[in-house]
Amino acid sequence: MIIIKFLPYGKQDIDRDDIQNVVSVLESDFITQGPKIGEFEDKLAQYCGSKYAVAFNSGTSALHGAYFAFGLGKDDEIITSPNTFVATSNAALYLNANPVFADVESKTGNLDVSKVLEKITDKTKLIVPVHYSGNPVDLKELSEIAEDNGVKIIEDAAHAIGAKYNGEKIGNSKYSQMTIFSFHPVKHITTGEGGAVLTNDQEYYERLLMFRSHGITKNNYINQPDGDWYYEMHYLGHNYRITDLQAALGLSQLKKLDGFVKRRRKIARIYNEAFEDNPYFNTITEKEGCKSSYHLFPILLKDKLKDKKREIFAKLRKEGLGVQVHYIPVYLQPYYKSLGYQKGLCPVSEDFYQKEISIPMFPAMINDDVDHVIRTVFRVLGGI
């Protein structure tokens, strides 16, 4: 019996230090709402070069919190990419705002900045670029469009912690009001589930803190406090709090982030060299000034093979490669169709979806794993 090694497209990398950090919290007085959360937030903000970080229990709740803190509301519009997980636009729907989808670049899968201007209306409040696969969007050009039109930017950097744009880390919010990260296990660092919003604006920071904890504050009261126990609810918030257990894991993982990104970039170099000028597919390109953190390694089937994607995907899986597809354009989902979105809205994104397959990319892959992926991809595609 032949046992085939299964390599997922992404997975966490947990070591003994991570485990001990979590155990130490279990043995302490606080397992939630304790000091590790603030410590994690401070280290995260310091790493990215921002003033503030607020940790949430998921990347989705972080998006919801960022949109709320900004003041997004009924009938407002955000312009974003359809090549993303549904959470990017869902979080606007939670606030009764409307997502507007602009098409993507065929070579990167990122929001096509040249297509954004035509989508701006008097209802547009936010542009939400998604740094797809860890490869930064052209933020400078996008920020110029936003500034000229009185619109703000929130970066969906769920894929991009550790990435750089013009030599500076994503998350410093230099070109945006806020940046969100995800710490799901397939991301660069994990807290189990988790996310964060980074910002340089104190007002947003304070609103984020309240929003993740039921809209409650123990400062800046409207009424005269009754005593030391007093608190006030200022907003209709949620319980989006992260725990000290998760924050302890995040602190330990954060120490290794640069090493994780370095390994991902090395794997990407090996892939790119092996796949150069092959007859089956193309790979994502990094634009000048952009340094991807390679959350994903997408391959884009050439036109002659895109109609055989289902067969290729199934055969790669059968060979032990846990490939995935990122993403079905959001507006093609049945729920979005029920809201009036229609096929054909973003033709480049739809074509990208027909071509894209994400192959294994995670730091714990050894060189033999990488070589196995390369051989398997060529063997499967050569046999189609």
Foldseek 3Di string as FASTA:
>chain_A
DDDFAFFAQFFFDDDPQLVVLLVVCVVDPFFFPDDLQVVLFVVLCVLQQADTKHKFQALLVQLLLLCVLVPQAAAAEEEEALLAPLSNQVSSVVRNYHYDYFAPDLQASWHDLVRVLVVDDPRYAEYETECPQQWDDQLVSNLVSCVVVVHFYEYADQAHQVKFFLRHTPQRQPSGAKYKYWADRRHLHHLPGMMMIGGRDVSSNVSSVCQLPQQKDPDDDPDDAPDPVDIDRDDRHHNGGDTSSSSSSSVVSVVCSNVFLVLLVVLVVVVCVLCPPDPFWDWHDHDPRIGGSRSWTKTFGPPVCLVVVVVLCVQLVVSNWNKDFRDQRNCVDPVNVVVPRDPPSHVSSNNRRSGIITTHGGNVDDVVNSVVSSVSSCVSRVVD
